[in-house]
């Protein structure tokens, strides 16, 4: 199992949690982004920079994904593709996307996207707080304990 991170919008504090878990458990982790990132100097953690453009990072992650891998992403359509490839997706707030909940999340995401496009709702989710960080760390540790 590898960890793949949709790093373009992944908060730095979440990345730090991922780095610590990867090094502690010796799990190869790859971050994907269309801009440069600073990562720890260890052969366990890699960075793939992709060209800018719509869903370029997502397509690269799906291309390199193997069944059983874990993808860290807040992108629900990407999470849907990950699950379709028999892999796992965890969002930065600690929610594990599953075959049981992904369609509901995708429907809600599309509904909210439609409301935003018509101007009925503006803005996105609230910023991460300490509770979110703890939820993510707990969910990641729990997942890795079950699947390592």
N, C-alpha and C. Protein backbone atom coordinates (compact mmCIF):
# COMPACT_ATOMS: atom_id res chain seq x y z
N UNK A 1 0.83 -1.18 0.00
CA UNK A 1 0.00 0.00 0.00
C UNK A 1 0.88 1.25 0.00
N UNK A 2 0.47 2.21 -0.80
CA UNK A 2 1.12 3.51 -0.85
C UNK A 2 0.10 4.58 -0.48
N UNK A 3 0.60 5.74 -0.10
CA UNK A 3 -0.26 6.90 0.13
C UNK A 3 0.00 7.88 -1.00
N UNK A 4 -1.06 8.36 -1.64
CA UNK A 4 -0.97 9.37 -2.68
C UNK A 4 -1.75 10.58 -2.19
N UNK A 5 -1.18 11.76 -2.35
CA UNK A 5 -1.78 12.97 -1.79
C UNK A 5 -2.08 13.96 -2.90
N UNK A 6 -3.34 14.37 -2.98
CA UNK A 6 -3.76 15.46 -3.85
C UNK A 6 -3.33 16.74 -3.14
N UNK A 7 -2.10 17.16 -3.42
CA UNK A 7 -1.45 18.16 -2.58
C UNK A 7 -1.74 19.61 -2.95
N UNK A 8 -2.37 19.87 -4.09
CA UNK A 8 -2.64 21.25 -4.48
C UNK A 8 -3.40 22.02 -3.41
N UNK A 9 -4.43 21.42 -2.86
CA UNK A 9 -5.24 22.12 -1.87
C UNK A 9 -5.11 21.52 -0.48
N UNK A 10 -4.18 20.59 -0.30
CA UNK A 10 -4.03 19.94 1.00
C UNK A 10 -3.33 20.90 1.97
N UNK A 11 -3.95 21.18 3.10
CA UNK A 11 -3.33 22.09 4.07
C UNK A 11 -1.97 21.56 4.56
N UNK A 12 -1.06 22.48 4.84
CA UNK A 12 0.28 22.10 5.30
C UNK A 12 0.26 21.29 6.59
N UNK A 13 -0.64 21.60 7.50
CA UNK A 13 -0.70 20.84 8.75
C UNK A 13 -1.11 19.39 8.49
N UNK A 14 -1.96 19.17 7.52
CA UNK A 14 -2.36 17.80 7.14
C UNK A 14 -1.16 17.08 6.52
N UNK A 15 -0.42 17.79 5.67
CA UNK A 15 0.78 17.19 5.06
C UNK A 15 1.77 16.76 6.15
N UNK A 16 1.92 17.58 7.17
CA UNK A 16 2.86 17.23 8.26
C UNK A 16 2.42 15.95 8.97
N UNK A 17 1.13 15.79 9.18
CA UNK A 17 0.61 14.57 9.80
C UNK A 17 0.90 13.37 8.90
N UNK A 18 0.69 13.53 7.60
CA UNK A 18 0.95 12.46 6.64
C UNK A 18 2.44 12.10 6.64
N UNK A 19 3.31 13.11 6.62
CA UNK A 19 4.75 12.86 6.61
C UNK A 19 5.17 12.04 7.84
N UNK A 20 4.68 12.45 9.00
CA UNK A 20 5.05 11.73 10.24
C UNK A 20 4.59 10.27 10.20
N UNK A 21 3.36 10.05 9.73
CA UNK A 21 2.83 8.68 9.65
C UNK A 21 3.63 7.86 8.64
N UNK A 22 3.94 8.43 7.50
CA UNK A 22 4.69 7.72 6.46
C UNK A 22 6.07 7.30 6.97
N UNK A 23 6.74 8.20 7.66
CA UNK A 23 8.08 7.89 8.16
C UNK A 23 8.03 6.90 9.32
N UNK A 24 7.04 7.05 10.17
CA UNK A 24 6.90 6.15 11.32
C UNK A 24 6.61 4.71 10.88
N UNK A 25 5.78 4.57 9.83
CA UNK A 25 5.35 3.24 9.39
C UNK A 25 6.05 2.76 8.12
N UNK A 26 6.98 3.58 7.61
CA UNK A 26 7.75 3.22 6.41
C UNK A 26 6.83 2.96 5.21
N UNK A 27 5.98 3.92 4.92
CA UNK A 27 5.04 3.82 3.80
C UNK A 27 5.44 4.83 2.73
N UNK A 28 5.60 4.35 1.51
CA UNK A 28 5.92 5.24 0.40
C UNK A 28 4.74 6.18 0.19
N UNK A 29 5.04 7.47 0.15
CA UNK A 29 4.02 8.51 0.01
C UNK A 29 4.43 9.45 -1.11
N UNK A 30 3.48 9.72 -2.00
CA UNK A 30 3.75 10.61 -3.13
C UNK A 30 2.75 11.74 -3.13
N UNK A 31 3.27 12.96 -3.21
CA UNK A 31 2.44 14.15 -3.29
C UNK A 31 2.40 14.61 -4.74
N UNK A 32 1.22 15.02 -5.20
CA UNK A 32 1.02 15.48 -6.56
C UNK A 32 0.49 16.91 -6.52
N UNK A 33 1.12 17.80 -7.29
CA UNK A 33 0.67 19.19 -7.34
C UNK A 33 1.16 19.82 -8.64
N UNK A 34 0.54 20.94 -8.99
CA UNK A 34 0.98 21.65 -10.20
C UNK A 34 1.89 22.82 -9.85
N UNK A 35 2.34 22.88 -8.61
CA UNK A 35 3.32 23.88 -8.17
C UNK A 35 4.34 23.18 -7.28
N UNK A 36 5.49 23.78 -7.10
CA UNK A 36 6.53 23.11 -6.32
C UNK A 36 6.16 23.06 -4.84
N UNK A 37 6.64 22.01 -4.19
CA UNK A 37 6.40 21.80 -2.76
C UNK A 37 7.70 21.45 -2.08
N UNK A 38 7.77 21.74 -0.80
CA UNK A 38 8.90 21.31 0.02
C UNK A 38 8.47 20.07 0.77
N UNK A 39 9.28 19.01 0.62
CA UNK A 39 8.97 17.75 1.31
C UNK A 39 10.20 17.32 2.11
N UNK A 40 10.00 16.46 3.11
CA UNK A 40 11.14 15.96 3.88
C UNK A 40 12.12 15.20 2.98
N UNK A 41 13.37 15.24 3.34
CA UNK A 41 14.40 14.53 2.58
C UNK A 41 14.47 13.09 3.08
N UNK A 42 13.66 12.25 2.48
CA UNK A 42 13.62 10.83 2.77
C UNK A 42 13.18 10.11 1.50
N UNK A 43 13.71 8.93 1.24
CA UNK A 43 13.27 8.21 0.05
C UNK A 43 11.82 7.73 0.13
N UNK A 44 11.23 7.79 1.31
CA UNK A 44 9.84 7.37 1.46
C UNK A 44 8.85 8.39 0.89
N UNK A 45 9.24 9.65 0.83
CA UNK A 45 8.31 10.71 0.42
C UNK A 45 8.79 11.31 -0.90
N UNK A 46 7.89 11.28 -1.87
CA UNK A 46 8.22 11.75 -3.22
C UNK A 46 7.25 12.85 -3.62
N UNK A 47 7.67 13.60 -4.63
CA UNK A 47 6.83 14.68 -5.15
C UNK A 47 6.79 14.58 -6.67
N UNK A 48 5.58 14.65 -7.22
CA UNK A 48 5.39 14.66 -8.67
C UNK A 48 4.72 15.97 -9.02
N UNK A 49 5.42 16.78 -9.81
CA UNK A 49 4.84 18.04 -10.27
C UNK A 49 4.26 17.81 -11.66
N UNK A 50 3.00 18.19 -11.82
CA UNK A 50 2.32 18.03 -13.11
C UNK A 50 2.05 19.41 -13.70
N UNK A 51 1.81 19.49 -14.99
CA UNK A 51 1.49 20.79 -15.59
C UNK A 51 0.16 21.31 -15.03
N UNK A 52 -0.01 22.62 -15.10
CA UNK A 52 -1.28 23.20 -14.68
C UNK A 52 -2.39 22.79 -15.62
N UNK A 53 -3.60 22.91 -15.17
CA UNK A 53 -4.75 22.57 -16.00
C UNK A 53 -5.81 21.86 -15.20
N UNK A 54 -6.99 21.80 -15.76
CA UNK A 54 -8.15 21.23 -15.09
C UNK A 54 -7.97 19.73 -14.87
N UNK A 55 -8.00 19.28 -13.63
CA UNK A 55 -7.95 17.87 -13.23
C UNK A 55 -6.68 17.14 -13.65
N UNK A 56 -5.60 17.85 -13.94
CA UNK A 56 -4.35 17.19 -14.33
C UNK A 56 -3.80 16.37 -13.16
N UNK A 57 -3.84 16.93 -11.97
CA UNK A 57 -3.38 16.19 -10.78
C UNK A 57 -4.23 14.95 -10.58
N UNK A 58 -5.55 15.11 -10.67
CA UNK A 58 -6.46 13.99 -10.46
C UNK A 58 -6.17 12.86 -11.44
N UNK A 59 -5.99 13.21 -12.70
CA UNK A 59 -5.73 12.19 -13.73
C UNK A 59 -4.42 11.45 -13.46
N UNK A 60 -3.41 12.16 -13.00
CA UNK A 60 -2.12 11.54 -12.70
C UNK A 60 -2.25 10.58 -11.52
N UNK A 61 -2.98 10.99 -10.50
CA UNK A 61 -3.18 10.12 -9.34
C UNK A 61 -3.90 8.85 -9.77
N UNK A 62 -4.97 8.97 -10.52
CA UNK A 62 -5.74 7.80 -10.97
C UNK A 62 -4.86 6.90 -11.85
N UNK A 63 -4.03 7.50 -12.67
CA UNK A 63 -3.14 6.73 -13.55
C UNK A 63 -2.15 5.88 -12.75
N UNK A 64 -1.63 6.41 -11.66
CA UNK A 64 -0.60 5.72 -10.88
C UNK A 64 -1.14 4.90 -9.71
N UNK A 65 -2.41 4.97 -9.49
CA UNK A 65 -3.07 4.32 -8.36
C UNK A 65 -3.12 2.80 -8.53
N UNK A 66 -2.93 2.09 -7.42
CA UNK A 66 -3.08 0.64 -7.40
C UNK A 66 -4.18 0.27 -6.40
N UNK A 67 -4.87 -0.84 -6.61
CA UNK A 67 -5.87 -1.28 -5.63
C UNK A 67 -5.24 -1.37 -4.25
N UNK A 68 -5.96 -0.89 -3.26
CA UNK A 68 -5.48 -0.91 -1.88
C UNK A 68 -4.74 0.33 -1.44
N UNK A 69 -4.31 1.18 -2.39
CA UNK A 69 -3.63 2.43 -2.03
C UNK A 69 -4.59 3.36 -1.31
N UNK A 70 -4.03 4.32 -0.60
CA UNK A 70 -4.81 5.35 0.09
C UNK A 70 -4.53 6.69 -0.57
N UNK A 71 -5.60 7.39 -0.95
CA UNK A 71 -5.49 8.72 -1.53
C UNK A 71 -6.05 9.72 -0.52
N UNK A 72 -5.28 10.77 -0.25
CA UNK A 72 -5.74 11.85 0.62
C UNK A 72 -6.23 12.96 -0.30
N UNK A 73 -7.53 13.26 -0.24
CA UNK A 73 -8.10 14.29 -1.10
C UNK A 73 -9.41 14.81 -0.54
N UNK A 74 -9.68 16.07 -0.82
CA UNK A 74 -10.99 16.66 -0.52
C UNK A 74 -11.85 16.68 -1.77
N UNK A 75 -11.30 16.23 -2.89
CA UNK A 75 -11.97 16.25 -4.19
C UNK A 75 -12.88 15.02 -4.30
N UNK A 76 -14.17 15.23 -4.20
CA UNK A 76 -15.11 14.12 -4.18
C UNK A 76 -15.16 13.37 -5.51
N UNK A 77 -15.15 14.04 -6.67
CA UNK A 77 -15.08 13.27 -7.92
C UNK A 77 -13.82 12.40 -8.00
N UNK A 78 -12.69 12.91 -7.53
CA UNK A 78 -11.47 12.10 -7.50
C UNK A 78 -11.67 10.92 -6.56
N UNK A 79 -12.22 11.15 -5.39
CA UNK A 79 -12.48 10.06 -4.44
C UNK A 79 -13.36 8.98 -5.07
N UNK A 80 -14.33 9.39 -5.87
CA UNK A 80 -15.21 8.44 -6.56
C UNK A 80 -14.40 7.56 -7.52
N UNK A 81 -13.47 8.16 -8.25
CA UNK A 81 -12.62 7.39 -9.17
C UNK A 81 -11.69 6.45 -8.41
N UNK A 82 -11.19 6.92 -7.28
CA UNK A 82 -10.30 6.11 -6.45
C UNK A 82 -11.03 4.86 -5.97
N UNK A 83 -12.23 5.04 -5.48
CA UNK A 83 -13.02 3.92 -4.98
C UNK A 83 -13.35 2.96 -6.12
N UNK A 84 -13.63 3.49 -7.30
CA UNK A 84 -13.92 2.64 -8.46
C UNK A 84 -12.73 1.76 -8.83
N UNK A 85 -11.52 2.19 -8.46
CA UNK A 85 -10.31 1.41 -8.74
C UNK A 85 -9.89 0.55 -7.54
N UNK A 86 -10.82 0.29 -6.64
CA UNK A 86 -10.58 -0.57 -5.47
C UNK A 86 -9.49 -0.04 -4.55
N UNK A 87 -9.42 1.28 -4.46
CA UNK A 87 -8.49 1.91 -3.53
C UNK A 87 -9.32 2.66 -2.48
N UNK A 88 -8.65 3.43 -1.63
CA UNK A 88 -9.32 4.10 -0.52
C UNK A 88 -9.07 5.61 -0.62
N UNK A 89 -10.03 6.39 -0.12
CA UNK A 89 -9.90 7.84 -0.14
C UNK A 89 -10.30 8.40 1.22
N UNK A 90 -9.44 9.28 1.73
CA UNK A 90 -9.66 9.92 3.03
C UNK A 90 -9.55 11.42 2.83
N UNK A 91 -10.52 12.18 3.36
CA UNK A 91 -10.42 13.63 3.19
C UNK A 91 -9.69 14.27 4.37
N UNK A 92 -9.22 15.50 4.21
CA UNK A 92 -8.43 16.16 5.26
C UNK A 92 -9.19 16.45 6.56
N UNK A 93 -10.48 16.19 6.59
CA UNK A 93 -11.24 16.35 7.83
C UNK A 93 -11.46 15.01 8.54
N UNK A 94 -10.86 13.95 7.96
CA UNK A 94 -10.92 12.64 8.62
C UNK A 94 -12.04 11.75 8.17
N UNK A 95 -12.76 12.10 7.11
CA UNK A 95 -13.85 11.26 6.62
C UNK A 95 -13.32 10.30 5.56
N UNK A 96 -13.54 9.01 5.78
CA UNK A 96 -13.17 8.01 4.80
C UNK A 96 -14.32 7.86 3.82
N UNK A 97 -14.02 8.07 2.55
CA UNK A 97 -15.03 7.86 1.51
C UNK A 97 -15.11 6.36 1.25
N UNK A 98 -16.33 5.85 1.12
CA UNK A 98 -16.54 4.41 0.90
C UNK A 98 -17.55 4.20 -0.21
N UNK A 99 -17.69 2.94 -0.62
CA UNK A 99 -18.71 2.63 -1.63
C UNK A 99 -20.10 2.95 -1.09
N UNK A 100 -20.25 2.92 0.22
CA UNK A 100 -21.56 3.20 0.82
C UNK A 100 -21.90 4.68 0.87
N UNK A 101 -20.90 5.57 0.93
CA UNK A 101 -21.22 7.00 1.09
C UNK A 101 -20.81 7.88 -0.08
N UNK A 102 -20.06 7.37 -1.04
CA UNK A 102 -19.51 8.25 -2.07
C UNK A 102 -20.59 8.83 -2.98
N UNK A 103 -21.60 8.06 -3.33
CA UNK A 103 -22.63 8.60 -4.22
C UNK A 103 -23.41 9.73 -3.55
N UNK A 104 -23.71 9.58 -2.27
CA UNK A 104 -24.39 10.64 -1.53
C UNK A 104 -23.51 11.90 -1.47
N UNK A 105 -22.21 11.73 -1.21
CA UNK A 105 -21.30 12.88 -1.16
C UNK A 105 -21.18 13.55 -2.53
N UNK A 106 -21.15 12.75 -3.58
CA UNK A 106 -21.05 13.28 -4.94
C UNK A 106 -22.32 14.04 -5.33
N UNK A 107 -23.45 13.51 -4.97
CA UNK A 107 -24.73 14.20 -5.25
C UNK A 107 -24.79 15.53 -4.51
N UNK A 108 -24.41 15.53 -3.23
CA UNK A 108 -24.43 16.77 -2.45
C UNK A 108 -23.42 17.77 -3.00
N UNK A 109 -22.25 17.30 -3.38
CA UNK A 109 -21.22 18.18 -3.95
C UNK A 109 -21.74 18.84 -5.23
N UNK A 110 -22.38 18.05 -6.09
CA UNK A 110 -22.92 18.60 -7.35
C UNK A 110 -24.05 19.60 -7.08
N UNK A 111 -24.89 19.29 -6.10
CA UNK A 111 -25.98 20.20 -5.73
C UNK A 111 -25.42 21.53 -5.22
N UNK A 112 -24.43 21.47 -4.32
CA UNK A 112 -23.83 22.69 -3.78
C UNK A 112 -23.08 23.47 -4.85
N UNK A 113 -22.43 22.76 -5.76
CA UNK A 113 -21.74 23.41 -6.87
C UNK A 113 -22.73 24.17 -7.74
N UNK A 114 -23.89 23.58 -7.96
CA UNK A 114 -24.93 24.23 -8.74
C UNK A 114 -25.44 25.49 -8.03
N UNK A 115 -25.64 25.40 -6.72
CA UNK A 115 -26.09 26.58 -5.95
C UNK A 115 -25.04 27.69 -5.99
N UNK A 116 -23.76 27.32 -5.90
CA UNK A 116 -22.70 28.33 -5.98
C UNK A 116 -22.66 28.97 -7.35
N UNK A 117 -22.87 28.19 -8.41
CA UNK A 117 -22.80 28.73 -9.78
C UNK A 117 -23.94 29.70 -10.06
N UNK A 118 -25.05 29.55 -9.35
CA UNK A 118 -26.18 30.46 -9.54
C UNK A 118 -26.12 31.64 -8.57
N UNK A 119 -25.12 31.66 -7.69
CA UNK A 119 -24.96 32.76 -6.76
C UNK A 119 -25.80 32.64 -5.51
N UNK A 120 -26.52 31.53 -5.35
CA UNK A 120 -27.37 31.36 -4.17
C UNK A 120 -26.55 31.09 -2.91
N UNK A 121 -25.38 30.51 -3.11
CA UNK A 121 -24.46 30.24 -1.99
C UNK A 121 -23.09 30.68 -2.45
N UNK A 122 -22.36 31.33 -1.56
CA UNK A 122 -20.98 31.70 -1.88
C UNK A 122 -20.06 31.09 -0.86
N UNK A 123 -18.82 30.93 -1.25
CA UNK A 123 -17.83 30.38 -0.33
C UNK A 123 -17.85 28.87 -0.30
N UNK A 124 -16.92 28.34 0.42
CA UNK A 124 -16.77 26.90 0.54
C UNK A 124 -16.83 26.47 1.99
N UNK A 125 -16.20 25.35 2.28
CA UNK A 125 -16.22 24.86 3.66
C UNK A 125 -15.40 25.77 4.58
N UNK A 126 -15.68 25.71 5.87
CA UNK A 126 -14.90 26.52 6.82
C UNK A 126 -13.46 26.04 6.88
N UNK A 127 -12.55 26.89 7.33
CA UNK A 127 -11.16 26.47 7.46
C UNK A 127 -11.02 25.32 8.46
N UNK A 128 -9.97 24.55 8.30
CA UNK A 128 -9.72 23.46 9.24
C UNK A 128 -9.44 24.02 10.62
N UNK A 129 -9.92 23.33 11.63
CA UNK A 129 -9.63 23.73 13.00
C UNK A 129 -8.91 22.58 13.71
N UNK A 130 -8.59 22.76 14.96
CA UNK A 130 -7.83 21.75 15.71
C UNK A 130 -8.58 20.43 15.77
N UNK A 131 -9.87 20.50 15.91
CA UNK A 131 -10.68 19.27 15.97
C UNK A 131 -10.58 18.51 14.65
N UNK A 132 -10.61 19.24 13.50
CA UNK A 132 -10.47 18.60 12.19
C UNK A 132 -9.12 17.91 12.06
N UNK A 133 -8.06 18.59 12.52
CA UNK A 133 -6.72 18.01 12.46
C UNK A 133 -6.64 16.72 13.28
N UNK A 134 -7.23 16.75 14.46
CA UNK A 134 -7.23 15.56 15.31
C UNK A 134 -8.06 14.44 14.68
N UNK A 135 -9.19 14.79 14.08
CA UNK A 135 -10.03 13.78 13.40
C UNK A 135 -9.26 13.14 12.26
N UNK A 136 -8.54 13.96 11.49
CA UNK A 136 -7.76 13.42 10.38
C UNK A 136 -6.66 12.50 10.90
N UNK A 137 -5.92 12.95 11.88
CA UNK A 137 -4.82 12.14 12.43
C UNK A 137 -5.35 10.81 12.96
N UNK A 138 -6.47 10.84 13.67
CA UNK A 138 -7.06 9.61 14.21
C UNK A 138 -7.52 8.68 13.09
N UNK A 139 -8.19 9.25 12.07
CA UNK A 139 -8.69 8.45 10.96
C UNK A 139 -7.53 7.84 10.18
N UNK A 140 -6.48 8.61 9.95
CA UNK A 140 -5.31 8.10 9.23
C UNK A 140 -4.65 6.97 10.02
N UNK A 141 -4.41 7.19 11.31
CA UNK A 141 -3.79 6.15 12.14
C UNK A 141 -4.64 4.88 12.18
N UNK A 142 -5.94 5.05 12.31
CA UNK A 142 -6.85 3.90 12.35
C UNK A 142 -6.83 3.14 11.03
N UNK A 143 -6.87 3.87 9.92
CA UNK A 143 -6.83 3.24 8.61
C UNK A 143 -5.53 2.47 8.43
N UNK A 144 -4.41 3.11 8.74
CA UNK A 144 -3.10 2.48 8.54
C UNK A 144 -2.93 1.26 9.44
N UNK A 145 -3.47 1.30 10.64
CA UNK A 145 -3.39 0.15 11.54
C UNK A 145 -4.17 -1.05 10.97
N UNK A 146 -5.28 -0.77 10.31
CA UNK A 146 -6.11 -1.84 9.72
C UNK A 146 -5.53 -2.38 8.42
N UNK A 147 -4.84 -1.53 7.67
CA UNK A 147 -4.44 -1.91 6.31
C UNK A 147 -2.95 -2.10 6.10
N UNK A 148 -2.13 -1.84 7.06
CA UNK A 148 -0.67 -1.96 6.89
C UNK A 148 -0.25 -3.40 6.97
